[in-house]
Amino acid sequence: MRTSIEAEHWGLPDRIRVSGGEVAAGTFGEGPPVVLVHGTPAWSYLWRKVVPVLTRQHTVYVWDLLGFGDSRAAPGIAPSIAQQAHTLAELIEHWGLHAPSLVGHDIGGGIVLRTHLIERIPVHSLALLDAAVLGPWNTPFTEHQQRYEDAYRTMPAHIFSDIISARLHTAVHQPMDDATATAYLAPWAGETGQARWLDQVSAVTFSDTIDVVDQLDRISTPTLVLWGENDEWLAPATGDELTAAIPGACQAAIVQAGHFLTEDNPHDVAHALLQFLGSTPRT
């Protein structure tokens, strides 16, 4: 069912069973289908200011990755990029979509490319936002957590919370207010959230994008690469390299924006996506 949603009261209404667990999802607007895929350590809240603009011309499908937001991975399921790509392929089938446009941020970029190139899901167009594709792309903080995972898992939850809160604030270029930071950190709260955070940290690796990178030159669908010009997590030069690796890809910089470019400058991101998606009419 297609519904409307307010950014101030973000939450996804649907629950969909997939092979890897249960996914929180939502469908909004009318028009050609667009699927939004967030990255780490975010959840679908990242898209709350973009969705209302895209729904002017599109049906927008939003979901929380397994292990993120309100989605839950089944016991024994690692929330890797490969697993998320397989889940996205399942969701596209569940929604009955043929060749939707896919938009991916951070590891979401790797997920949508893997869904297209490895899971062999046809797409109408691709948009890659500050995308974790060309490896090695793990940040030093992520590598440190992977190296000393036991220390992070066993530290007191309130100390862990302070660490990831400080880290979150480096994802943006503009100051993040307390209410927004609280919303981003909510899925990672307490001992349960701490365990979930480290589950996804231990599962996320650029090895899941190596076979994607090997096939970038085979992409024939229209592709847009968007990058925050002040990204401190993935350097803007990485966006240049990614654009050059995909035949015919176009590129744009989002001013006054860090890695969470939809947080810093949602207006420009939403309208860049709307313009790009509108420039690739369906036949």
Foldseek 3Di string as FASTA:
>chain_A
DADDDALVDDFADDWDQDPFFIKGKHKYADAAEEEEAEDPPFFQNLCRLQVVLQNVHYTYMGIGQDLHDPHHTDPPDQSELLVSLVVVLVVCVVVVDAAGEYEYAACGLLSVLCNCPVVVGHHQEYEYEPYCADPPQAFPVLVVCLVPVVVQLPPAQVVNLVVVLVVVQLQKLDGDDPVRSCVRCVCLHDNVSSVSNSSNSNRYGNVSNPVSLVCQQVDDHEYEYEYECAAPRRHVVVSVVSQVSHPPYYYDYQYRTYSSRCVRCVPVVSVVVNVSVVVRDDD
